[in-house]
């Protein structure tokens, strides 16, 4: 029996839950059902199969101590957190999410997951058996309870999702003060699952994370699209300071590194490791592929990293995960009006004093409806710092948008996106311009890019409802109409009218395009703040 139970445990360590269940069935034929070691492993397998009620009962029957870190505590906490979750399924995934606004995530999440499933089947030739369980949690506290990471580790490194226990666990975007790339995060965690199962959990953490980081963009295109200028700038800074993170320091998890900057640096390093040896899977394969001993590979890889075209100056990081409760300054309350998006605190990140002064003056003038003067001051700030700061670029573009200087506004926004790709606010502002021009395909792209980081902004769903309708995409229009209804409290039948009124108020539609009656349409509730990123325990912190 001991040997059989050892095989059950080994199968679980290898991320082979099906194999563990088969071995367990053989043990069950041979020993009394009340045997505590049997109940323990039955509880372990039930837990990894998502049968939390059974897991709790079995682990209690095995007399497992109910203490932090024990499987019994994990099963109890996971059961409590997920017991009221809603459920949605696709061909290869089961998506569990809290009641409420997280329902907006469902169709986009399942599309992302099915897309990365197809891509990795093509690239790696592996698909997990059965349907993969994906669980959304509300915040960092819940993520710590359903994983083996502490809340301190999660907050320190900005970890937002984890792949462990035969499932993906992701924090809802609503927990984060600014948007995060939640769709890339889902893909990232799925890569961890596939690599763990394929390798029987033998791939070292640095390689695990490197593959996941490199491949996380495959759901939307080719691999290797995850590196941003701000992350490159950070890596360049650490290269100059000779403060890179050695591979062995990344074990057992990047999520356990001492600072968020260390975690971000480590992710950038392993990304370039895979970029350098794209196509290999473990240390021996690295040696075979490169024709050199592994220590020499590390040396030449570091040389490769140091030759990257790093930005000349440090770019404000756009990959930091800041939880709402940790955010400085007041966050918009649920249903609070966005107004004209006036905020002086946005320029706190601008270190160049003259530019910050010009930007503050521009905000004062814009607050007083002196938009032309505001645009002139923003232009002075932008001339000094270029595309370095999202805040300066976006406020400048908003002023230009109000003045109907659309070409200039678009140029400013696209410049900002080259430096800060994926920014939800920048994409929303670009979407407004494209929607005003009735360039529906490009407007759709911009708003979907925004949704990939900030899925709870009503404007995104209102705009997409209009865009899908204009493009004749009836099913997609229905989907965004339902999402807009959920986020605004409007009836689905009122969303189209509200969308026109809202977009007109934001300055996207000309007077001649809006029926007179739409001015009486109810305004939607304002944007709520978004959500967090992961690690294999394998775990993967924010990008």
Foldseek 3Di string as FASTA:
>chain_A
DVVLLVQLVLCQLLVNLVSNVVSLVVVPVPDDPLALSSLQSVLLSCVLVVVLVSNLVSNVSSVWDCDQPTSNQLSVLVCVQQVQWDWDDDPAAIETEHPALCVLCPVVQVLLVVLLQVLCCVVVVDHDPGHAYEYEGAELCSVVSNDVDHSVLCQFQQAAWEQHSRHIYGYFFLQFQAWAQVSLQSSLNVLLSRLSNVVSNPAAFLLSLQVSQQSSCSSPNHGRPNDALLLLQLLLVCLVVVNADDSVNCPPKLSRDRGNSNSSRSSVLSVLLCVVQPPARHLVSSCVSVVHHSVVSVVVSSVVSNPDPHDPHRFPDPFHTHTPVRDPDDGDDQLHDCPLVQDLVLCPPPPPVQLSVLQNVLSVCVVVVVLVSSLVSLVVSCVVPPLRGPSSLLSNLLSCLVVVVLVVSLVSLVSNCNNVPLRLSSLLSNLLSCVLVVVLVSSLVSLVSNCSTAVLFLLSLLSVLVSCVVVVVVVSNQSSLVSSCSRFVDDSVLSPLQSVCQSVVSRRYDPVVHDPVSVPRDHGGGGRGTRTHWAHVNIHRTD
